[in-house]
Amino acid sequence: MASSEPPDWEFKERDVLVLRELSRDPQLSSRDLARILDEKYGIDVSHVTVSESIRGMREEGVFREAIIPNEEYFFFALFEFKFNPENFDEGWRPAMEFIRDSPNTLFYFLSDGEYQWKAVMMFATRQAQSQWIHDFYKHHGEVVDNLRNSIVHNVLKFRTDPEILESLHESEQ
């Protein structure tokens, strides 16, 4: 469960390198990571220290672990909507919770500008996607203003590049 507080973690170079290597291959053991740190980066550290570092970062919420099936198994969609101000008070929370708690929701967020709610959703079939939209409107249509549904196809990238994590240690210096 994600905390509402941001993680309080002071990154060591080793921590960032561990995260980078795990983003390349999430299945690496702490022994493998200790060996890679030594061979690739000249950092001599025990696998126990690596394991403790990973556990500490996990407990502090530095990274999230999620099982995300290969994108070939699902149809993805981007849903965008605003709430209708006339019915906002009565219905915004149940509508928000319907989306947030749906097993089809990969992630759900707000964007600025016109205060748009957005969700990246995944469905086994196009029929399931259509049924989800029908059910959502049936239960929460009075509070929704302008639901837009974009089909996401030909997913060309679906991962975190290890290089982006370099900035975590750089910001500490």
Protein backbone atom coordinates (compact mmCIF):
# COMPACT_ATOMS: atom_id res chain seq x y z
CA MET A 1 0.00 0.00 0.00
CA ALA A 2 1.45 3.36 -1.01
CA SER A 3 2.00 5.97 1.65
CA SER A 4 0.85 9.53 1.17
CA GLU A 5 4.26 10.69 2.43
CA PRO A 6 7.16 10.87 -0.01
CA PRO A 7 10.01 8.44 0.67
CA ASP A 8 12.75 9.72 2.97
CA TRP A 9 15.82 8.06 1.54
CA GLU A 10 19.37 9.29 1.16
CA PHE A 11 20.68 7.63 -1.98
CA LYS A 12 24.13 6.16 -2.07
CA GLU A 13 25.66 5.53 -5.46
CA ARG A 14 25.28 1.81 -4.73
CA ASP A 15 21.51 2.19 -4.22
CA VAL A 16 21.05 3.87 -7.57
CA LEU A 17 23.17 1.25 -9.32
CA VAL A 18 21.13 -1.52 -7.69
CA LEU A 19 17.89 0.10 -8.89
CA ARG A 20 19.34 0.51 -12.38
CA GLU A 21 20.35 -3.13 -12.57
CA LEU A 22 16.99 -4.27 -11.21
CA SER A 23 15.22 -2.17 -13.84
CA ARG A 24 17.27 -4.01 -16.48
CA ASP A 25 16.46 -7.39 -14.94
CA PRO A 26 14.00 -7.53 -12.01
CA GLN A 27 14.86 -11.20 -11.41
CA LEU A 28 18.46 -10.57 -10.29
CA SER A 29 19.31 -11.99 -6.88
CA SER A 30 21.25 -10.02 -4.28
CA ARG A 31 24.25 -12.29 -5.02
CA ASP A 32 24.02 -11.44 -8.71
CA LEU A 33 23.73 -7.75 -7.89
CA ALA A 34 26.77 -7.85 -5.58
CA ARG A 35 28.78 -9.54 -8.34
CA ILE A 36 27.63 -6.98 -10.95
CA LEU A 37 28.46 -4.07 -8.61
CA ASP A 38 31.96 -5.47 -8.20
CA GLU A 39 32.63 -6.42 -11.84
CA LYS A 40 30.93 -3.50 -13.58
CA TYR A 41 31.36 -0.63 -11.12
CA GLY A 42 34.27 -1.66 -8.86
CA ILE A 43 32.06 -1.59 -5.75
CA ASP A 44 32.91 -4.43 -3.36
CA VAL A 45 29.86 -5.14 -1.23
CA SER A 46 28.33 -8.28 0.23
CA HIS A 47 25.07 -9.73 -1.04
CA VAL A 48 23.69 -9.27 2.49
CA THR A 49 24.33 -5.52 2.29
CA VAL A 50 22.68 -5.41 -1.14
CA SER A 51 19.69 -7.33 0.20
CA GLU A 52 19.38 -4.98 3.21
CA SER A 53 19.57 -1.96 0.89
CA ILE A 54 16.81 -3.33 -1.35
CA ARG A 55 14.63 -4.18 1.65
CA GLY A 56 15.16 -0.71 3.14
CA MET A 57 14.28 1.03 -0.13
CA ARG A 58 11.21 -1.19 -0.54
CA GLU A 59 10.02 -0.50 3.02
CA GLU A 60 10.59 3.25 2.64
CA GLY A 61 8.64 3.25 -0.64
CA VAL A 62 11.56 4.29 -2.87
CA PHE A 63 10.22 2.00 -5.59
CA ARG A 64 7.01 0.13 -6.18
CA GLU A 65 6.75 -3.42 -7.26
CA ALA A 66 3.98 -4.39 -9.59
CA ILE A 67 3.27 -7.36 -11.76
CA ILE A 68 2.43 -6.06 -15.19
CA PRO A 69 1.69 -8.70 -17.81
CA ASN A 70 3.22 -8.42 -21.23
CA GLU A 71 1.32 -5.84 -23.25
CA GLU A 72 0.51 -8.45 -25.90
CA TYR A 73 -2.03 -10.04 -23.53
CA PHE A 74 -4.26 -6.98 -23.07
CA PHE A 75 -5.89 -4.09 -24.87
CA PHE A 76 -4.95 -0.76 -23.31
CA ALA A 77 -7.04 2.38 -23.20
CA LEU A 78 -6.64 5.90 -21.91
CA PHE A 79 -9.77 7.26 -20.23
CA GLU A 80 -10.04 10.99 -19.62
CA PHE A 81 -12.93 12.77 -17.96
CA LYS A 82 -14.04 15.68 -15.86
CA PHE A 83 -16.69 15.70 -13.19
CA ASN A 84 -19.97 17.48 -13.85
CA PRO A 85 -20.07 20.34 -11.30
CA GLU A 86 -23.86 20.05 -10.93
CA ASN A 87 -23.64 16.54 -9.49
CA PHE A 88 -20.15 16.71 -8.05
CA ASP A 89 -21.01 16.70 -4.33
CA GLU A 90 -23.17 13.59 -4.46
CA GLY A 91 -21.24 11.46 -6.86
CA TRP A 92 -17.56 12.28 -7.24
CA ARG A 93 -16.25 9.86 -4.59
CA PRO A 94 -18.14 6.73 -5.74
CA ALA A 95 -17.13 7.44 -9.36
CA MET A 96 -13.50 7.97 -8.40
CA GLU A 97 -13.48 4.80 -6.29
CA PHE A 98 -15.15 2.81 -9.09
CA ILE A 99 -12.23 3.63 -11.39
CA ARG A 100 -9.51 3.44 -8.75
CA ASP A 101 -10.69 0.05 -7.45
CA SER A 102 -11.41 -1.49 -10.84
CA PRO A 103 -9.15 -4.46 -11.61
CA ASN A 104 -8.85 -2.98 -15.10
CA THR A 105 -7.08 0.17 -13.87
CA LEU A 106 -3.32 0.09 -14.33
CA PHE A 107 -2.86 3.60 -12.98
CA TYR A 108 -5.07 6.56 -12.28
CA PHE A 109 -4.08 10.21 -11.97
CA LEU A 110 -5.03 13.85 -12.20
CA SER A 111 -3.57 16.27 -14.69
CA ASP A 112 -3.60 20.00 -14.50
CA GLY A 113 -5.09 22.41 -16.96
CA GLU A 114 -8.80 21.69 -16.94
CA TYR A 115 -8.46 19.35 -13.95
CA GLN A 116 -8.74 16.18 -15.98
CA TRP A 117 -8.90 12.75 -14.40
CA LYS A 118 -7.12 10.09 -16.41
CA ALA A 119 -6.72 6.35 -16.14
CA VAL A 120 -4.69 3.89 -18.13
CA MET A 121 -6.83 0.79 -18.30
CA MET A 122 -6.24 -2.76 -19.52
CA PHE A 123 -8.84 -5.19 -20.85
CA ALA A 124 -8.75 -8.77 -22.06
CA THR A 125 -11.07 -7.95 -25.00
CA ARG A 126 -12.58 -4.94 -26.73
CA GLN A 127 -15.98 -6.27 -25.63
CA ALA A 128 -14.84 -6.15 -21.98
CA GLN A 129 -13.72 -2.56 -22.49
CA SER A 130 -17.05 -1.59 -24.00
CA GLN A 131 -18.91 -3.32 -21.14
CA TRP A 132 -16.79 -1.49 -18.54
CA ILE A 133 -17.66 1.89 -20.10
CA HIS A 134 -21.35 0.90 -20.19
CA ASP A 135 -21.30 -0.09 -16.51
CA PHE A 136 -19.43 3.05 -15.53
CA TYR A 137 -21.97 5.29 -17.27
CA LYS A 138 -24.87 3.28 -15.88
CA HIS A 139 -23.68 3.81 -12.30
CA HIS A 140 -21.88 7.17 -12.52
CA GLY A 141 -22.95 8.89 -15.73
CA GLU A 142 -24.70 11.77 -13.93
CA VAL A 143 -21.43 12.92 -12.37
CA VAL A 144 -19.18 12.51 -15.41
CA ASP A 145 -18.66 15.24 -17.95
CA ASN A 146 -17.05 14.33 -21.25
CA LEU A 147 -15.55 10.84 -20.91
CA ARG A 148 -13.00 10.35 -23.66
CA ASN A 149 -11.72 6.90 -24.43
CA SER A 150 -8.59 6.46 -26.53
CA ILE A 151 -7.50 3.03 -27.63
CA VAL A 152 -3.79 2.47 -27.09
CA HIS A 153 -2.33 0.21 -29.74
CA ASN A 154 1.11 -0.75 -30.97
CA VAL A 155 2.76 -0.24 -27.57
CA LEU A 156 6.34 0.50 -28.58
CA LYS A 157 7.92 0.91 -25.16
CA PHE A 158 6.81 -0.52 -21.86
CA ARG A 159 9.61 -0.29 -19.30
CA THR A 160 11.76 2.01 -17.19
CA ASP A 161 15.16 2.78 -18.66
CA PRO A 162 17.92 2.34 -16.06
CA GLU A 163 19.57 5.63 -17.12
CA ILE A 164 16.69 7.74 -15.74
CA LEU A 165 17.60 6.53 -12.25
CA GLU A 166 21.03 8.23 -12.39
CA SER A 167 19.36 11.50 -11.46
CA LEU A 168 18.39 10.09 -8.03
CA HIS A 169 21.99 10.11 -6.80
CA GLU A 170 22.93 13.28 -8.70
CA SER A 171 20.23 15.27 -6.90
CA GLU A 172 21.73 14.29 -3.53
CA GLN A 173 25.09 15.89 -4.37
